[in-house]
């Protein structure tokens, strides 16, 4: 069952359908989006809601991909470390 949630982004209200369990995450997402769009608007370099929205989406996508790349590198290092420990343990039993 979906509920209805009102969110406010750049002084405009939007009605969004969401599951009750998704409500807190959606509210935080809306707050983040609003904050990022305000940053872009305050910079003064971008005019127009459409352009602000696109630039904000592009910035958020870039940040997401950068985080995923960092996580991937960290996971790779962790796996290498675990693999080395397993190899050491197996050598002791050989």
PDB file of N, CA and C in Angstrom:
ATOM      1  N   UNK A   1       0.838  -1.179   0.000  1.00  0.00           N
ATOM      2  CA  UNK A   1       0.000   0.000   0.000  1.00  0.00           C
ATOM      3  C   UNK A   1       0.884   1.244   0.000  1.00  0.00           C
ATOM      4  N   UNK A   2       0.585   2.192  -0.867  1.00  0.00           N
ATOM      5  CA  UNK A   2       1.364   3.418  -0.961  1.00  0.00           C
ATOM      6  C   UNK A   2       0.676   4.560  -0.239  1.00  0.00           C
ATOM      7  N   UNK A   3       1.504   5.376   0.393  1.00  0.00           N
ATOM      8  CA  UNK A   3       1.036   6.614   1.007  1.00  0.00           C
ATOM      9  C   UNK A   3       1.411   7.761   0.096  1.00  0.00           C
ATOM     10  N   UNK A   4       0.930   8.928   0.470  1.00  0.00           N
ATOM     11  CA  UNK A   4       1.269  10.119  -0.271  1.00  0.00           C
ATOM     12  C   UNK A   4       2.141  10.999   0.617  1.00  0.00           C
ATOM     13  N   UNK A   5       3.180  11.561   0.041  1.00  0.00           N
ATOM     14  CA  UNK A   5       4.110  12.399   0.786  1.00  0.00           C
ATOM     15  C   UNK A   5       4.283  13.712   0.043  1.00  0.00           C
ATOM     16  N   UNK A   6       4.184  14.826   0.772  1.00  0.00           N
ATOM     17  CA  UNK A   6       4.449  16.136   0.189  1.00  0.00           C
ATOM     18  C   UNK A   6       5.902  16.482   0.466  1.00  0.00           C
ATOM     19  N   UNK A   7       6.629  16.819  -0.592  1.00  0.00           N
ATOM     20  CA  UNK A   7       8.002  17.276  -0.437  1.00  0.00           C
ATOM     21  C   UNK A   7       8.108  18.662  -1.045  1.00  0.00           C
ATOM     22  N   UNK A   8       9.063  19.436  -0.557  1.00  0.00           N
ATOM     23  CA  UNK A   8       9.247  20.797  -1.055  1.00  0.00           C
ATOM     24  C   UNK A   8      10.668  20.931  -1.587  1.00  0.00           C
ATOM     25  N   UNK A   9      10.759  21.295  -2.858  1.00  0.00           N
ATOM     26  CA  UNK A   9      12.054  21.484  -3.502  1.00  0.00           C
ATOM     27  C   UNK A   9      12.036  22.831  -4.217  1.00  0.00           C
ATOM     28  N   UNK A  10      12.986  23.676  -3.857  1.00  0.00           N
ATOM     29  CA  UNK A  10      13.065  25.038  -4.398  1.00  0.00           C
ATOM     30  C   UNK A  10      11.715  25.749  -4.329  1.00  0.00           C
ATOM     31  N   UNK A  11      11.134  25.730  -3.153  1.00  0.00           N
ATOM     32  CA  UNK A  11       9.874  26.438  -2.861  1.00  0.00           C
ATOM     33  C   UNK A  11       8.668  25.909  -3.633  1.00  0.00           C
ATOM     34  N   UNK A  12       8.789  24.757  -4.245  1.00  0.00           N
ATOM     35  CA  UNK A  12       7.655  24.138  -4.930  1.00  0.00           C
ATOM     36  C   UNK A  12       7.309  22.846  -4.213  1.00  0.00           C
ATOM     37  N   UNK A  13       6.007  22.607  -4.043  1.00  0.00           N
ATOM     38  CA  UNK A  13       5.567  21.374  -3.406  1.00  0.00           C
ATOM     39  C   UNK A  13       5.249  20.321  -4.453  1.00  0.00           C
ATOM     40  N   UNK A  14       5.637  19.097  -4.123  1.00  0.00           N
ATOM     41  CA  UNK A  14       5.372  17.958  -4.990  1.00  0.00           C
ATOM     42  C   UNK A  14       4.717  16.867  -4.147  1.00  0.00           C
ATOM     43  N   UNK A  15       3.743  16.209  -4.722  1.00  0.00           N
ATOM     44  CA  UNK A  15       3.075  15.076  -4.088  1.00  0.00           C
ATOM     45  C   UNK A  15       3.704  13.807  -4.660  1.00  0.00           C
ATOM     46  N   UNK A  16       4.219  12.956  -3.779  1.00  0.00           N
ATOM     47  CA  UNK A  16       4.929  11.768  -4.214  1.00  0.00           C
ATOM     48  C   UNK A  16       4.322  10.541  -3.526  1.00  0.00           C
ATOM     49  N   UNK A  17       4.089   9.493  -4.292  1.00  0.00           N
ATOM     50  CA  UNK A  17       3.610   8.241  -3.715  1.00  0.00           C
ATOM     51  C   UNK A  17       4.804   7.449  -3.200  1.00  0.00           C
ATOM     52  N   UNK A  18       4.645   6.870  -2.026  1.00  0.00           N
ATOM     53  CA  UNK A  18       5.714   6.037  -1.474  1.00  0.00           C
ATOM     54  C   UNK A  18       5.141   5.062  -0.457  1.00  0.00           C
ATOM     55  N   UNK A  19       5.886   3.992  -0.242  1.00  0.00           N
ATOM     56  CA  UNK A  19       5.512   3.023   0.775  1.00  0.00           C
ATOM     57  C   UNK A  19       5.837   3.622   2.139  1.00  0.00           C
ATOM     58  N   UNK A  20       5.066   3.289   3.154  1.00  0.00           N
ATOM     59  CA  UNK A  20       5.335   3.844   4.495  1.00  0.00           C
ATOM     60  C   UNK A  20       6.772   3.598   4.969  1.00  0.00           C
ATOM     61  N   UNK A  21       7.318   2.422   4.667  1.00  0.00           N
ATOM     62  CA  UNK A  21       8.676   2.116   5.117  1.00  0.00           C
ATOM     63  C   UNK A  21       9.744   2.896   4.354  1.00  0.00           C
ATOM     64  N   UNK A  22       9.390   3.435   3.188  1.00  0.00           N
ATOM     65  CA  UNK A  22      10.338   4.222   2.392  1.00  0.00           C
ATOM     66  C   UNK A  22      10.285   5.713   2.709  1.00  0.00           C
ATOM     67  N   UNK A  23       9.316   6.115   3.486  1.00  0.00           N
ATOM     68  CA  UNK A  23       9.082   7.535   3.765  1.00  0.00           C
ATOM     69  C   UNK A  23      10.310   8.266   4.337  1.00  0.00           C
ATOM     70  N   UNK A  24      10.959   7.748   5.397  1.00  0.00           N
ATOM     71  CA  UNK A  24      12.120   8.475   5.940  1.00  0.00           C
ATOM     72  C   UNK A  24      13.244   8.669   4.915  1.00  0.00           C
ATOM     73  N   UNK A  25      13.521   7.639   4.132  1.00  0.00           N
ATOM     74  CA  UNK A  25      14.588   7.747   3.126  1.00  0.00           C
ATOM     75  C   UNK A  25      14.210   8.738   2.036  1.00  0.00           C
ATOM     76  N   UNK A  26      12.945   8.735   1.641  1.00  0.00           N
ATOM     77  CA  UNK A  26      12.493   9.673   0.614  1.00  0.00           C
ATOM     78  C   UNK A  26      12.542  11.111   1.137  1.00  0.00           C
ATOM     79  N   UNK A  27      12.185  11.304   2.396  1.00  0.00           N
ATOM     80  CA  UNK A  27      12.259  12.647   2.982  1.00  0.00           C
ATOM     81  C   UNK A  27      13.702  13.143   3.023  1.00  0.00           C
ATOM     82  N   UNK A  28      14.631  12.264   3.421  1.00  0.00           N
ATOM     83  CA  UNK A  28      16.053  12.643   3.434  1.00  0.00           C
ATOM     84  C   UNK A  28      16.558  12.921   2.026  1.00  0.00           C
ATOM     85  N   UNK A  29      16.097  12.132   1.066  1.00  0.00           N
ATOM     86  CA  UNK A  29      16.492  12.341  -0.331  1.00  0.00           C
ATOM     87  C   UNK A  29      16.012  13.696  -0.828  1.00  0.00           C
ATOM     88  N   UNK A  30      14.780  14.038  -0.490  1.00  0.00           N
ATOM     89  CA  UNK A  30      14.224  15.331  -0.902  1.00  0.00           C
ATOM     90  C   UNK A  30      14.994  16.477  -0.260  1.00  0.00           C
ATOM     91  N   UNK A  31      15.364  16.319   1.016  1.00  0.00           N
ATOM     92  CA  UNK A  31      16.150  17.360   1.695  1.00  0.00           C
ATOM     93  C   UNK A  31      17.510  17.535   1.036  1.00  0.00           C
ATOM     94  N   UNK A  32      18.150  16.426   0.697  1.00  0.00           N
ATOM     95  CA  UNK A  32      19.447  16.482   0.024  1.00  0.00           C
ATOM     96  C   UNK A  32      19.317  17.150  -1.340  1.00  0.00           C
ATOM     97  N   UNK A  33      18.318  16.735  -2.105  1.00  0.00           N
ATOM     98  CA  UNK A  33      18.107  17.314  -3.430  1.00  0.00           C
ATOM     99  C   UNK A  33      17.851  18.810  -3.332  1.00  0.00           C
ATOM    100  N   UNK A  34      17.002  19.212  -2.400  1.00  0.00           N
ATOM    101  CA  UNK A  34      16.706  20.627  -2.227  1.00  0.00           C
ATOM    102  C   UNK A  34      17.974  21.401  -1.873  1.00  0.00           C
ATOM    103  N   UNK A  35      18.755  20.861  -0.959  1.00  0.00           N
ATOM    104  CA  UNK A  35      19.995  21.509  -0.544  1.00  0.00           C
ATOM    105  C   UNK A  35      20.967  21.674  -1.715  1.00  0.00           C
ATOM    106  N   UNK A  36      21.131  20.612  -2.495  1.00  0.00           N
ATOM    107  CA  UNK A  36      22.049  20.662  -3.644  1.00  0.00           C
ATOM    108  C   UNK A  36      21.544  21.630  -4.714  1.00  0.00           C
ATOM    109  N   UNK A  37      20.232  21.642  -4.939  1.00  0.00           N
ATOM    110  CA  UNK A  37      19.685  22.560  -5.943  1.00  0.00           C
ATOM    111  C   UNK A  37      19.823  24.009  -5.483  1.00  0.00           C
ATOM    112  N   UNK A  38      19.679  24.258  -4.183  1.00  0.00           N
ATOM    113  CA  UNK A  38      19.894  25.608  -3.662  1.00  0.00           C
ATOM    114  C   UNK A  38      21.338  26.045  -3.864  1.00  0.00           C
ATOM    115  N   UNK A  39      22.276  25.120  -3.654  1.00  0.00           N
ATOM    116  CA  UNK A  39      23.696  25.430  -3.892  1.00  0.00           C
ATOM    117  C   UNK A  39      23.924  25.846  -5.336  1.00  0.00           C
ATOM    118  N   UNK A  40      23.365  25.081  -6.269  1.00  0.00           N
ATOM    119  CA  UNK A  40      23.546  25.382  -7.691  1.00  0.00           C
ATOM    120  C   UNK A  40      22.905  26.734  -8.012  1.00  0.00           C
ATOM    121  N   UNK A  41      21.716  26.977  -7.481  1.00  0.00           N
ATOM    122  CA  UNK A  41      21.029  28.245  -7.753  1.00  0.00           C
ATOM    123  C   UNK A  41      21.810  29.420  -7.173  1.00  0.00           C
ATOM    124  N   UNK A  42      22.350  29.257  -5.964  1.00  0.00           N
ATOM    125  CA  UNK A  42      23.113  30.336  -5.316  1.00  0.00           C
ATOM    126  C   UNK A  42      24.397  30.658  -6.057  1.00  0.00           C
ATOM    127  N   UNK A  43      24.941  29.688  -6.771  1.00  0.00           N
ATOM    128  CA  UNK A  43      26.189  29.938  -7.489  1.00  0.00           C
ATOM    129  C   UNK A  43      26.002  31.020  -8.549  1.00  0.00           C
ATOM    130  N   UNK A  44      24.758  31.171  -9.014  1.00  0.00           N
ATOM    131  CA  UNK A  44      24.449  32.217  -9.982  1.00  0.00           C
ATOM    132  C   UNK A  44      24.846  31.893 -11.402  1.00  0.00           C
ATOM    133  N   UNK A  45      25.573  30.809 -11.600  1.00  0.00           N
ATOM    134  CA  UNK A  45      26.042  30.465 -12.944  1.00  0.00           C
ATOM    135  C   UNK A  45      24.949  29.803 -13.777  1.00  0.00           C
ATOM    136  N   UNK A  46      23.951  29.224 -13.126  1.00  0.00           N
ATOM    137  CA  UNK A  46      22.906  28.488 -13.823  1.00  0.00           C
ATOM    138  C   UNK A  46      21.575  29.193 -13.582  1.00  0.00           C
ATOM    139  N   UNK A  47      20.851  29.439 -14.653  1.00  0.00           N
ATOM    140  CA  UNK A  47      19.549  30.095 -14.549  1.00  0.00           C
ATOM    141  C   UNK A  47      18.493  29.155 -15.132  1.00  0.00           C
ATOM    142  N   UNK A  48      17.372  29.074 -14.449  1.00  0.00           N
ATOM    143  CA  UNK A  48      16.271  28.250 -14.919  1.00  0.00           C
ATOM    144  C   UNK A  48      16.179  26.958 -14.147  1.00  0.00           C
ATOM    145  N   UNK A  49      14.977  26.620 -13.735  1.00  0.00           N
ATOM    146  CA  UNK A  49      14.756  25.424 -12.924  1.00  0.00           C
ATOM    147  C   UNK A  49      15.218  24.155 -13.632  1.00  0.00           C
ATOM    148  N   UNK A  50      14.942  24.036 -14.923  1.00  0.00           N
ATOM    149  CA  UNK A  50      15.352  22.840 -15.669  1.00  0.00           C
ATOM    150  C   UNK A  50      16.863  22.668 -15.638  1.00  0.00           C
ATOM    151  N   UNK A  51      17.572  23.737 -15.873  1.00  0.00           N
ATOM    152  CA  UNK A  51      19.038  23.658 -15.900  1.00  0.00           C
ATOM    153  C   UNK A  51      19.605  23.382 -14.511  1.00  0.00           C
ATOM    154  N   UNK A  52      19.005  23.994 -13.487  1.00  0.00           N
ATOM    155  CA  UNK A  52      19.440  23.731 -12.115  1.00  0.00           C
ATOM    156  C   UNK A  52      19.232  22.260 -11.786  1.00  0.00           C
ATOM    157  N   UNK A  53      18.082  21.713 -12.168  1.00  0.00           N
ATOM    158  CA  UNK A  53      17.781  20.308 -11.895  1.00  0.00           C
ATOM    159  C   UNK A  53      18.758  19.386 -12.615  1.00  0.00           C
ATOM    160  N   UNK A  54      19.066  19.681 -13.864  1.00  0.00           N
ATOM    161  CA  UNK A  54      19.985  18.838 -14.632  1.00  0.00           C
ATOM    162  C   UNK A  54      21.389  18.911 -14.047  1.00  0.00           C
ATOM    163  N   UNK A  55      21.861  20.095 -13.710  1.00  0.00           N
ATOM    164  CA  UNK A  55      23.201  20.230 -13.142  1.00  0.00           C
ATOM    165  C   UNK A  55      23.291  19.541 -11.780  1.00  0.00           C
ATOM    166  N   UNK A  56      22.229  19.658 -10.997  1.00  0.00           N
ATOM    167  CA  UNK A  56      22.209  18.986  -9.695  1.00  0.00           C
ATOM    168  C   UNK A  56      22.223  17.479  -9.870  1.00  0.00           C
ATOM    169  N   UNK A  57      21.427  16.967 -10.797  1.00  0.00           N
ATOM    170  CA  UNK A  57      21.404  15.526 -11.063  1.00  0.00           C
ATOM    171  C   UNK A  57      22.778  15.056 -11.533  1.00  0.00           C
ATOM    172  N   UNK A  58      23.407  15.825 -12.385  1.00  0.00           N
ATOM    173  CA  UNK A  58      24.734  15.469 -12.873  1.00  0.00           C
ATOM    174  C   UNK A  58      25.744  15.438 -11.726  1.00  0.00           C
ATOM    175  N   UNK A  59      25.707  16.432 -10.858  1.00  0.00           N
ATOM    176  CA  UNK A  59      26.616  16.473  -9.706  1.00  0.00           C
ATOM    177  C   UNK A  59      26.387  15.293  -8.771  1.00  0.00           C
ATOM    178  N   UNK A  60      25.119  14.982  -8.489  1.00  0.00           N
ATOM    179  CA  UNK A  60      24.812  13.857  -7.604  1.00  0.00           C
ATOM    180  C   UNK A  60      25.244  12.524  -8.226  1.00  0.00           C
ATOM    181  N   UNK A  61      25.031  12.374  -9.528  1.00  0.00           N
ATOM    182  CA  UNK A  61      25.454  11.148 -10.210  1.00  0.00           C
ATOM    183  C   UNK A  61      26.976  11.004 -10.148  1.00  0.00           C
ATOM    184  N   UNK A  62      27.678  12.104 -10.345  1.00  0.00           N
ATOM    185  CA  UNK A  62      29.139  12.089 -10.269  1.00  0.00           C
ATOM    186  C   UNK A  62      29.599  11.673  -8.874  1.00  0.00           C
ATOM    187  N   UNK A  63      28.986  12.267  -7.838  1.00  0.00           N
ATOM    188  CA  UNK A  63      29.341  11.927  -6.463  1.00  0.00           C
ATOM    189  C   UNK A  63      29.062  10.450  -6.174  1.00  0.00           C
ATOM    190  N   UNK A  64      27.941   9.946  -6.660  1.00  0.00           N
ATOM    191  CA  UNK A  64      27.588   8.543  -6.458  1.00  0.00           C
ATOM    192  C   UNK A  64      28.619   7.625  -7.104  1.00  0.00           C
ATOM    193  N   UNK A  65      28.986   7.919  -8.344  1.00  0.00           N
ATOM    194  CA  UNK A  65      29.965   7.084  -9.045  1.00  0.00           C
ATOM    195  C   UNK A  65      31.337   7.153  -8.373  1.00  0.00           C
ATOM    196  N   UNK A  66      31.701   8.332  -7.866  1.00  0.00           N
ATOM    197  CA  UNK A  66      32.977   8.464  -7.165  1.00  0.00           C
ATOM    198  C   UNK A  66      32.975   7.624  -5.892  1.00  0.00           C
ATOM    199  N   UNK A  67      31.858   7.621  -5.168  1.00  0.00           N
ATOM    200  CA  UNK A  67      31.745   6.808  -3.948  1.00  0.00           C
ATOM    201  C   UNK A  67      31.811   5.326  -4.288  1.00  0.00           C
ATOM    202  N   UNK A  68      31.151   4.926  -5.359  1.00  0.00           N
ATOM    203  CA  UNK A  68      31.170   3.524  -5.760  1.00  0.00           C
ATOM    204  C   UNK A  68      32.579   3.096  -6.146  1.00  0.00           C
ATOM    205  N   UNK A  69      33.311   3.972  -6.815  1.00  0.00           N
ATOM    206  CA  UNK A  69      34.690   3.652  -7.204  1.00  0.00           C
ATOM    207  C   UNK A  69      35.560   3.521  -5.964  1.00  0.00           C
ATOM    208  N   UNK A  70      35.376   4.424  -4.983  1.00  0.00           N
ATOM    209  CA  UNK A  70      36.132   4.343  -3.733  1.00  0.00           C
ATOM    210  C   UNK A  70      35.808   3.049  -3.005  1.00  0.00           C
ATOM    211  N   UNK A  71      34.524   2.711  -2.952  1.00  0.00           N
ATOM    212  CA  UNK A  71      34.107   1.470  -2.291  1.00  0.00           C
ATOM    213  C   UNK A  71      34.704   0.257  -2.996  1.00  0.00           C
ATOM    214  N   UNK A  72      34.717   0.298  -4.325  1.00  0.00           N
ATOM    215  CA  UNK A  72      35.251  -0.811  -5.102  1.00  0.00           C
ATOM    216  C   UNK A  72      36.735  -1.006  -4.801  1.00  0.00           C
ATOM    217  N   UNK A  73      37.484   0.098  -4.736  1.00  0.00           N
ATOM    218  CA  UNK A  73      38.911   0.015  -4.438  1.00  0.00           C
ATOM    219  C   UNK A  73      39.129  -0.520  -3.027  1.00  0.00           C
ATOM    220  N   UNK A  74      38.314  -0.053  -2.078  1.00  0.00           N
ATOM    221  CA  UNK A  74      38.437  -0.513  -0.693  1.00  0.00           C
ATOM    222  C   UNK A  74      38.097  -1.998  -0.602  1.00  0.00           C
ATOM    223  N   UNK A  75      37.066  -2.426  -1.311  1.00  0.00           N
ATOM    224  CA  UNK A  75      36.687  -3.840  -1.309  1.00  0.00           C
ATOM    225  C   UNK A  75      37.788  -4.692  -1.922  1.00  0.00           C
ATOM    226  N   UNK A  76      38.397  -4.199  -2.978  1.00  0.00           N
ATOM    227  CA  UNK A  76      39.467  -4.937  -3.637  1.00  0.00           C
ATOM    228  C   UNK A  76      40.653  -5.112  -2.696  1.00  0.00           C
ATOM    229  N   UNK A  77      41.015  -4.045  -1.987  1.00  0.00           N
ATOM    230  CA  UNK A  77      42.114  -4.121  -1.025  1.00  0.00           C
ATOM    231  C   UNK A  77      41.783  -5.106   0.091  1.00  0.00           C
ATOM    232  N   UNK A  78      40.547  -5.051   0.576  1.00  0.00           N
ATOM    233  CA  UNK A  78      40.124  -5.961   1.640  1.00  0.00           C
ATOM    234  C   UNK A  78      40.187  -7.405   1.165  1.00  0.00           C
ATOM    235  N   UNK A  79      39.695  -7.668  -0.040  1.00  0.00           N
ATOM    236  CA  UNK A  79      39.732  -9.023  -0.583  1.00  0.00           C
ATOM    237  C   UNK A  79      41.168  -9.517  -0.758  1.00  0.00           C
ATOM    238  N   UNK A  80      42.039  -8.633  -1.228  1.00  0.00           N
ATOM    239  CA  UNK A  80      43.453  -9.017  -1.373  1.00  0.00           C
ATOM    240  C   UNK A  80      44.050  -9.390  -0.019  1.00  0.00           C
ATOM    241  N   UNK A  81      43.715  -8.610   1.000  1.00  0.00           N
ATOM    242  CA  UNK A  81      44.226  -8.864   2.348  1.00  0.00           C
ATOM    243  C   UNK A  81      43.709 -10.193   2.890  1.00  0.00           C
ATOM    244  N   UNK A  82      42.427 -10.440   2.704  1.00  0.00           N
ATOM    245  CA  UNK A  82      41.828 -11.697   3.168  1.00  0.00           C
ATOM    246  C   UNK A  82      42.433 -12.879   2.414  1.00  0.00           C
ATOM    247  N   UNK A  83      42.607 -12.710   1.114  1.00  0.00           N
ATOM    248  CA  UNK A  83      43.197 -13.779   0.305  1.00  0.00           C
ATOM    249  C   UNK A  83      44.618 -14.102   0.769  1.00  0.00           C
ATOM    250  N   UNK A  84      45.393 -13.063   1.086  1.00  0.00           N
ATOM    251  CA  UNK A  84      46.757 -13.276   1.566  1.00  0.00           C
ATOM    252  C   UNK A  84      46.754 -14.029   2.891  1.00  0.00           C
ATOM    253  N   UNK A  85      45.825 -13.672   3.769  1.00  0.00           N
ATOM    254  CA  UNK A  85      45.735 -14.364   5.066  1.00  0.00           C
ATOM    255  C   UNK A  85      45.340 -15.825   4.882  1.00  0.00           C
ATOM    256  N   UNK A  86      44.433 -16.071   3.977  1.00  0.00           N
ATOM    257  CA  UNK A  86      44.017 -17.454   3.703  1.00  0.00           C
ATOM    258  C   UNK A  86      45.199 -18.245   3.166  1.00  0.00           C
ATOM    259  N   UNK A  87      45.950 -17.643   2.235  1.00  0.00           N
ATOM    260  CA  UNK A  87      47.130 -18.320   1.689  1.00  0.00           C
ATOM    261  C   UNK A  87      48.134 -18.641   2.794  1.00  0.00           C
ATOM    262  N   UNK A  88      48.368 -17.705   3.701  1.00  0.00           N
ATOM    263  CA  UNK A  88      49.298 -17.928   4.813  1.00  0.00           C
ATOM    264  C   UNK A  88      48.814 -19.061   5.707  1.00  0.00           C
ATOM    265  N   UNK A  89      47.506 -19.052   5.993  1.00  0.00           N
ATOM    266  CA  UNK A  89      46.949 -20.104   6.837  1.00  0.00           C
ATOM    267  C   UNK A  89      47.079 -21.466   6.173  1.00  0.00           C
ATOM    268  N   UNK A  90      46.826 -21.523   4.871  1.00  0.00           N
ATOM    269  CA  UNK A  90      46.920 -22.804   4.140  1.00  0.00           C
ATOM    270  C   UNK A  90      48.363 -23.300   4.089  1.00  0.00           C
ATOM    271  N   UNK A  91      49.315 -22.382   3.994  1.00  0.00           N
ATOM    272  CA  UNK A  91      50.723 -22.783   3.966  1.00  0.00           C
ATOM    273  C   UNK A  91      51.127 -23.451   5.264  1.00  0.00           C
ATOM    274  N   UNK A  92      50.560 -22.988   6.379  1.00  0.00           N
ATOM    275  CA  UNK A  92      50.893 -23.591   7.674  1.00  0.00           C
ATOM    276  C   UNK A  92      50.403 -25.022   7.778  1.00  0.00           C
ATOM    277  N   UNK A  93      49.315 -25.343   7.064  1.00  0.00           N
ATOM    278  CA  UNK A  93      48.741 -26.670   7.128  1.00  0.00           C
ATOM    279  C   UNK A  93      49.283 -27.592   6.041  1.00  0.00           C
ATOM    280  N   UNK A  94      50.073 -27.063   5.127  1.00  0.00           N
ATOM    281  CA  UNK A  94      50.603 -27.879   4.031  1.00  0.00           C
ATOM    282  C   UNK A  94      51.830 -28.622   4.444  1.00  0.00           C
TER     283      UNK A  94
END
